[in-house]
């Protein structure tokens, strides 16, 4: 199963413990105030599996550990 969405959607799935792998595509650009990822989510153990930088984006893949 794949879930796509913004920070609010991702935070809800993380808080519910329904995520086993997280793929982030980080672009250093903010529209308006932005929304914080991991806001209101209890402590997570993330293991970085892969990262790849491109011209305007960094792709990061992490496993969520229990």
PDB file of N, CA and C in Angstrom:
ATOM      1  N   UNK A   1       0.836  -1.172   0.000  1.00  0.00           N
ATOM      2  CA  UNK A   1       0.000   0.000   0.000  1.00  0.00           C
ATOM      3  C   UNK A   1       0.884   1.240   0.000  1.00  0.00           C
ATOM      4  N   UNK A   2       0.477   2.213  -0.716  1.00  0.00           N
ATOM      5  CA  UNK A   2       1.213   3.470  -0.793  1.00  0.00           C
ATOM      6  C   UNK A   2       0.288   4.614  -0.395  1.00  0.00           C
ATOM      7  N   UNK A   3       0.806   5.515   0.420  1.00  0.00           N
ATOM      8  CA  UNK A   3       0.045   6.683   0.837  1.00  0.00           C
ATOM      9  C   UNK A   3       0.786   7.912   0.336  1.00  0.00           C
ATOM     10  N   UNK A   4       0.085   8.773  -0.351  1.00  0.00           N
ATOM     11  CA  UNK A   4       0.693  10.015  -0.825  1.00  0.00           C
ATOM     12  C   UNK A   4      -0.063  11.178  -0.233  1.00  0.00           C
ATOM     13  N   UNK A   5       0.679  12.183   0.142  1.00  0.00           N
ATOM     14  CA  UNK A   5       0.014  13.350   0.699  1.00  0.00           C
ATOM     15  C   UNK A   5       1.014  14.304   1.301  1.00  0.00           C
ATOM     16  N   UNK A   6       0.497  15.313   1.918  1.00  0.00           N
ATOM     17  CA  UNK A   6       1.334  16.300   2.568  1.00  0.00           C
ATOM     18  C   UNK A   6       1.668  15.889   3.986  1.00  0.00           C
ATOM     19  N   UNK A   7       2.251  16.822   4.713  1.00  0.00           N
ATOM     20  CA  UNK A   7       2.722  16.544   6.064  1.00  0.00           C
ATOM     21  C   UNK A   7       1.600  16.101   6.998  1.00  0.00           C
ATOM     22  N   UNK A   8       0.429  16.684   6.887  1.00  0.00           N
ATOM     23  CA  UNK A   8      -0.677  16.331   7.779  1.00  0.00           C
ATOM     24  C   UNK A   8      -1.085  14.871   7.569  1.00  0.00           C
ATOM     25  N   UNK A   9      -1.211  14.454   6.325  1.00  0.00           N
ATOM     26  CA  UNK A   9      -1.580  13.068   6.010  1.00  0.00           C
ATOM     27  C   UNK A   9      -0.514  12.100   6.499  1.00  0.00           C
ATOM     28  N   UNK A  10       0.741  12.398   6.213  1.00  0.00           N
ATOM     29  CA  UNK A  10       1.846  11.530   6.631  1.00  0.00           C
ATOM     30  C   UNK A  10       1.892  11.432   8.152  1.00  0.00           C
ATOM     31  N   UNK A  11       1.739  12.551   8.848  1.00  0.00           N
ATOM     32  CA  UNK A  11       1.753  12.550  10.319  1.00  0.00           C
ATOM     33  C   UNK A  11       0.650  11.668  10.893  1.00  0.00           C
ATOM     34  N   UNK A  12      -0.538  11.685  10.278  1.00  0.00           N
ATOM     35  CA  UNK A  12      -1.642  10.859  10.763  1.00  0.00           C
ATOM     36  C   UNK A  12      -1.313   9.374  10.631  1.00  0.00           C
ATOM     37  N   UNK A  13      -0.749   8.968   9.519  1.00  0.00           N
ATOM     38  CA  UNK A  13      -0.387   7.563   9.321  1.00  0.00           C
ATOM     39  C   UNK A  13       0.765   7.155  10.233  1.00  0.00           C
ATOM     40  N   UNK A  14       1.747   8.035  10.419  1.00  0.00           N
ATOM     41  CA  UNK A  14       2.852   7.739  11.332  1.00  0.00           C
ATOM     42  C   UNK A  14       2.350   7.580  12.766  1.00  0.00           C
ATOM     43  N   UNK A  15       1.494   8.487  13.204  1.00  0.00           N
ATOM     44  CA  UNK A  15       0.953   8.439  14.571  1.00  0.00           C
ATOM     45  C   UNK A  15       0.143   7.170  14.804  1.00  0.00           C
ATOM     46  N   UNK A  16      -0.494   6.666  13.751  1.00  0.00           N
ATOM     47  CA  UNK A  16      -1.296   5.443  13.876  1.00  0.00           C
ATOM     48  C   UNK A  16      -0.438   4.183  13.762  1.00  0.00           C
ATOM     49  N   UNK A  17       0.866   4.337  13.490  1.00  0.00           N
ATOM     50  CA  UNK A  17       1.760   3.181  13.379  1.00  0.00           C
ATOM     51  C   UNK A  17       1.550   2.382  12.108  1.00  0.00           C
ATOM     52  N   UNK A  18       1.087   3.026  11.055  1.00  0.00           N
ATOM     53  CA  UNK A  18       0.765   2.322   9.813  1.00  0.00           C
ATOM     54  C   UNK A  18       1.825   2.470   8.722  1.00  0.00           C
ATOM     55  N   UNK A  19       2.985   3.017   9.077  1.00  0.00           N
ATOM     56  CA  UNK A  19       4.040   3.249   8.087  1.00  0.00           C
ATOM     57  C   UNK A  19       5.239   2.370   8.413  1.00  0.00           C
ATOM     58  N   UNK A  20       5.720   1.621   7.416  1.00  0.00           N
ATOM     59  CA  UNK A  20       6.937   0.832   7.626  1.00  0.00           C
ATOM     60  C   UNK A  20       8.108   1.362   6.801  1.00  0.00           C
ATOM     61  N   UNK A  21       7.823   2.181   5.796  1.00  0.00           N
ATOM     62  CA  UNK A  21       8.875   2.783   4.985  1.00  0.00           C
ATOM     63  C   UNK A  21       8.430   4.192   4.603  1.00  0.00           C
ATOM     64  N   UNK A  22       9.358   5.117   4.677  1.00  0.00           N
ATOM     65  CA  UNK A  22       9.057   6.512   4.405  1.00  0.00           C
ATOM     66  C   UNK A  22       9.978   6.995   3.292  1.00  0.00           C
ATOM     67  N   UNK A  23       9.396   7.531   2.239  1.00  0.00           N
ATOM     68  CA  UNK A  23      10.176   8.115   1.144  1.00  0.00           C
ATOM     69  C   UNK A  23       9.869   9.598   1.077  1.00  0.00           C
ATOM     70  N   UNK A  24      10.884  10.390   1.345  1.00  0.00           N
ATOM     71  CA  UNK A  24      10.718  11.840   1.356  1.00  0.00           C
ATOM     72  C   UNK A  24      11.409  12.438   0.142  1.00  0.00           C
ATOM     73  N   UNK A  25      10.772  13.407  -0.450  1.00  0.00           N
ATOM     74  CA  UNK A  25      11.330  14.159  -1.566  1.00  0.00           C
ATOM     75  C   UNK A  25      11.402  15.605  -1.078  1.00  0.00           C
ATOM     76  N   UNK A  26      12.589  16.027  -0.703  1.00  0.00           N
ATOM     77  CA  UNK A  26      12.776  17.299  -0.019  1.00  0.00           C
ATOM     78  C   UNK A  26      13.218  18.371  -1.010  1.00  0.00           C
ATOM     79  N   UNK A  27      12.403  19.415  -1.110  1.00  0.00           N
ATOM     80  CA  UNK A  27      12.700  20.554  -1.978  1.00  0.00           C
ATOM     81  C   UNK A  27      12.779  21.790  -1.085  1.00  0.00           C
ATOM     82  N   UNK A  28      13.908  22.507  -1.107  1.00  0.00           N
ATOM     83  CA  UNK A  28      14.069  23.656  -0.208  1.00  0.00           C
ATOM     84  C   UNK A  28      13.287  24.881  -0.696  1.00  0.00           C
ATOM     85  N   UNK A  29      11.970  24.787  -0.615  1.00  0.00           N
ATOM     86  CA  UNK A  29      11.107  25.869  -1.086  1.00  0.00           C
ATOM     87  C   UNK A  29       9.835  25.847  -0.259  1.00  0.00           C
ATOM     88  N   UNK A  30       9.408  26.986   0.247  1.00  0.00           N
ATOM     89  CA  UNK A  30       8.206  27.051   1.076  1.00  0.00           C
ATOM     90  C   UNK A  30       7.194  27.978   0.434  1.00  0.00           C
ATOM     91  N   UNK A  31       5.978  27.499   0.327  1.00  0.00           N
ATOM     92  CA  UNK A  31       4.866  28.341  -0.109  1.00  0.00           C
ATOM     93  C   UNK A  31       4.068  28.709   1.128  1.00  0.00           C
ATOM     94  N   UNK A  32       3.924  29.968   1.393  1.00  0.00           N
ATOM     95  CA  UNK A  32       3.206  30.374   2.596  1.00  0.00           C
ATOM     96  C   UNK A  32       3.995  29.991   3.837  1.00  0.00           C
ATOM     97  N   UNK A  33       3.292  29.547   4.857  1.00  0.00           N
ATOM     98  CA  UNK A  33       3.937  29.200   6.124  1.00  0.00           C
ATOM     99  C   UNK A  33       4.503  27.787   6.115  1.00  0.00           C
ATOM    100  N   UNK A  34       4.014  26.933   5.233  1.00  0.00           N
ATOM    101  CA  UNK A  34       4.471  25.551   5.218  1.00  0.00           C
ATOM    102  C   UNK A  34       3.841  24.753   6.346  1.00  0.00           C
ATOM    103  N   UNK A  35       4.007  23.449   6.308  1.00  0.00           N
ATOM    104  CA  UNK A  35       3.492  22.563   7.344  1.00  0.00           C
ATOM    105  C   UNK A  35       4.633  21.671   7.801  1.00  0.00           C
ATOM    106  N   UNK A  36       4.792  21.522   9.098  1.00  0.00           N
ATOM    107  CA  UNK A  36       5.903  20.739   9.643  1.00  0.00           C
ATOM    108  C   UNK A  36       5.612  19.253   9.586  1.00  0.00           C
ATOM    109  N   UNK A  37       6.538  18.505   9.052  1.00  0.00           N
ATOM    110  CA  UNK A  37       6.460  17.043   9.064  1.00  0.00           C
ATOM    111  C   UNK A  37       6.879  16.569  10.446  1.00  0.00           C
ATOM    112  N   UNK A  38       6.291  15.498  10.928  1.00  0.00           N
ATOM    113  CA  UNK A  38       6.552  14.898  12.244  1.00  0.00           C
ATOM    114  C   UNK A  38       5.982  15.735  13.386  1.00  0.00           C
ATOM    115  N   UNK A  39       5.161  16.715  13.102  1.00  0.00           N
ATOM    116  CA  UNK A  39       4.580  17.562  14.145  1.00  0.00           C
ATOM    117  C   UNK A  39       3.491  16.779  14.877  1.00  0.00           C
ATOM    118  N   UNK A  40       3.635  16.610  16.182  1.00  0.00           N
ATOM    119  CA  UNK A  40       2.652  15.886  16.970  1.00  0.00           C
ATOM    120  C   UNK A  40       2.816  14.373  16.930  1.00  0.00           C
ATOM    121  N   UNK A  41       3.864  13.888  16.282  1.00  0.00           N
ATOM    122  CA  UNK A  41       4.122  12.450  16.216  1.00  0.00           C
ATOM    123  C   UNK A  41       5.114  12.107  17.324  1.00  0.00           C
ATOM    124  N   UNK A  42       4.811  11.050  18.085  1.00  0.00           N
ATOM    125  CA  UNK A  42       5.740  10.653  19.144  1.00  0.00           C
ATOM    126  C   UNK A  42       7.069  10.208  18.536  1.00  0.00           C
ATOM    127  N   UNK A  43       8.064  10.041  19.364  1.00  0.00           N
ATOM    128  CA  UNK A  43       9.415   9.702  18.905  1.00  0.00           C
ATOM    129  C   UNK A  43       9.402   8.510  17.953  1.00  0.00           C
ATOM    130  N   UNK A  44      10.105   8.673  16.843  1.00  0.00           N
ATOM    131  CA  UNK A  44      10.221   7.613  15.840  1.00  0.00           C
ATOM    132  C   UNK A  44      11.661   7.158  15.750  1.00  0.00           C
ATOM    133  N   UNK A  45      11.851   5.904  15.422  1.00  0.00           N
ATOM    134  CA  UNK A  45      13.183   5.396  15.106  1.00  0.00           C
ATOM    135  C   UNK A  45      13.224   5.189  13.606  1.00  0.00           C
ATOM    136  N   UNK A  46      13.977   6.032  12.917  1.00  0.00           N
ATOM    137  CA  UNK A  46      14.096   5.939  11.472  1.00  0.00           C
ATOM    138  C   UNK A  46      15.497   5.468  11.104  1.00  0.00           C
ATOM    139  N   UNK A  47      15.574   4.526  10.183  1.00  0.00           N
ATOM    140  CA  UNK A  47      16.852   4.038   9.680  1.00  0.00           C
ATOM    141  C   UNK A  47      16.958   4.453   8.218  1.00  0.00           C
ATOM    142  N   UNK A  48      17.928   5.338   7.917  1.00  0.00           N
ATOM    143  CA  UNK A  48      18.090   5.780   6.540  1.00  0.00           C
ATOM    144  C   UNK A  48      18.620   4.632   5.699  1.00  0.00           C
ATOM    145  N   UNK A  49      17.929   4.337   4.613  1.00  0.00           N
ATOM    146  CA  UNK A  49      18.293   3.243   3.728  1.00  0.00           C
ATOM    147  C   UNK A  49      18.993   3.774   2.488  1.00  0.00           C
ATOM    148  N   UNK A  50      18.548   4.928   2.029  1.00  0.00           N
ATOM    149  CA  UNK A  50      19.067   5.467   0.773  1.00  0.00           C
ATOM    150  C   UNK A  50      18.865   6.971   0.754  1.00  0.00           C
ATOM    151  N   UNK A  51      19.759   7.681   0.087  1.00  0.00           N
ATOM    152  CA  UNK A  51      19.549   9.102  -0.192  1.00  0.00           C
ATOM    153  C   UNK A  51      20.207   9.421  -1.523  1.00  0.00           C
ATOM    154  N   UNK A  52      19.566  10.311  -2.244  1.00  0.00           N
ATOM    155  CA  UNK A  52      20.061  10.677  -3.566  1.00  0.00           C
ATOM    156  C   UNK A  52      19.740  12.147  -3.795  1.00  0.00           C
ATOM    157  N   UNK A  53      20.747  12.914  -4.158  1.00  0.00           N
ATOM    158  CA  UNK A  53      20.561  14.336  -4.407  1.00  0.00           C
ATOM    159  C   UNK A  53      20.464  14.593  -5.902  1.00  0.00           C
ATOM    160  N   UNK A  54      19.579  15.486  -6.271  1.00  0.00           N
ATOM    161  CA  UNK A  54      19.443  15.945  -7.644  1.00  0.00           C
ATOM    162  C   UNK A  54      19.583  17.468  -7.622  1.00  0.00           C
ATOM    163  N   UNK A  55      19.349  18.104  -8.739  1.00  0.00           N
ATOM    164  CA  UNK A  55      19.559  19.542  -8.838  1.00  0.00           C
ATOM    165  C   UNK A  55      18.764  20.337  -7.805  1.00  0.00           C
ATOM    166  N   UNK A  56      17.466  20.082  -7.677  1.00  0.00           N
ATOM    167  CA  UNK A  56      16.641  20.892  -6.783  1.00  0.00           C
ATOM    168  C   UNK A  56      15.885  20.066  -5.750  1.00  0.00           C
ATOM    169  N   UNK A  57      16.248  18.798  -5.605  1.00  0.00           N
ATOM    170  CA  UNK A  57      15.519  17.926  -4.689  1.00  0.00           C
ATOM    171  C   UNK A  57      16.475  16.877  -4.113  1.00  0.00           C
ATOM    172  N   UNK A  58      16.199  16.467  -2.891  1.00  0.00           N
ATOM    173  CA  UNK A  58      16.914  15.338  -2.278  1.00  0.00           C
ATOM    174  C   UNK A  58      15.895  14.265  -1.955  1.00  0.00           C
ATOM    175  N   UNK A  59      16.173  13.042  -2.399  1.00  0.00           N
ATOM    176  CA  UNK A  59      15.288  11.902  -2.152  1.00  0.00           C
ATOM    177  C   UNK A  59      15.884  11.092  -1.003  1.00  0.00           C
ATOM    178  N   UNK A  60      15.082  10.827   0.016  1.00  0.00           N
ATOM    179  CA  UNK A  60      15.539  10.069   1.178  1.00  0.00           C
ATOM    180  C   UNK A  60      14.545   8.934   1.437  1.00  0.00           C
ATOM    181  N   UNK A  61      15.085   7.744   1.630  1.00  0.00           N
ATOM    182  CA  UNK A  61      14.256   6.569   1.943  1.00  0.00           C
ATOM    183  C   UNK A  61      14.666   6.047   3.313  1.00  0.00           C
ATOM    184  N   UNK A  62      13.674   5.875   4.208  1.00  0.00           N
ATOM    185  CA  UNK A  62      13.929   5.419   5.569  1.00  0.00           C
ATOM    186  C   UNK A  62      12.987   4.292   5.935  1.00  0.00           C
ATOM    187  N   UNK A  63      13.461   3.379   6.773  1.00  0.00           N
ATOM    188  CA  UNK A  63      12.597   2.366   7.386  1.00  0.00           C
ATOM    189  C   UNK A  63      12.176   2.894   8.748  1.00  0.00           C
ATOM    190  N   UNK A  64      10.931   2.651   9.081  1.00  0.00           N
ATOM    191  CA  UNK A  64      10.432   3.026  10.401  1.00  0.00           C
ATOM    192  C   UNK A  64      10.600   1.794  11.285  1.00  0.00           C
ATOM    193  N   UNK A  65      11.395   1.935  12.345  1.00  0.00           N
ATOM    194  CA  UNK A  65      11.684   0.830  13.259  1.00  0.00           C
ATOM    195  C   UNK A  65      10.762   0.886  14.468  1.00  0.00           C
ATOM    196  N   UNK A  66      10.351  -0.289  14.953  1.00  0.00           N
ATOM    197  CA  UNK A  66       9.483  -0.322  16.152  1.00  0.00           C
ATOM    198  C   UNK A  66      10.230   0.134  17.399  1.00  0.00           C
TER     199      UNK A  66
END
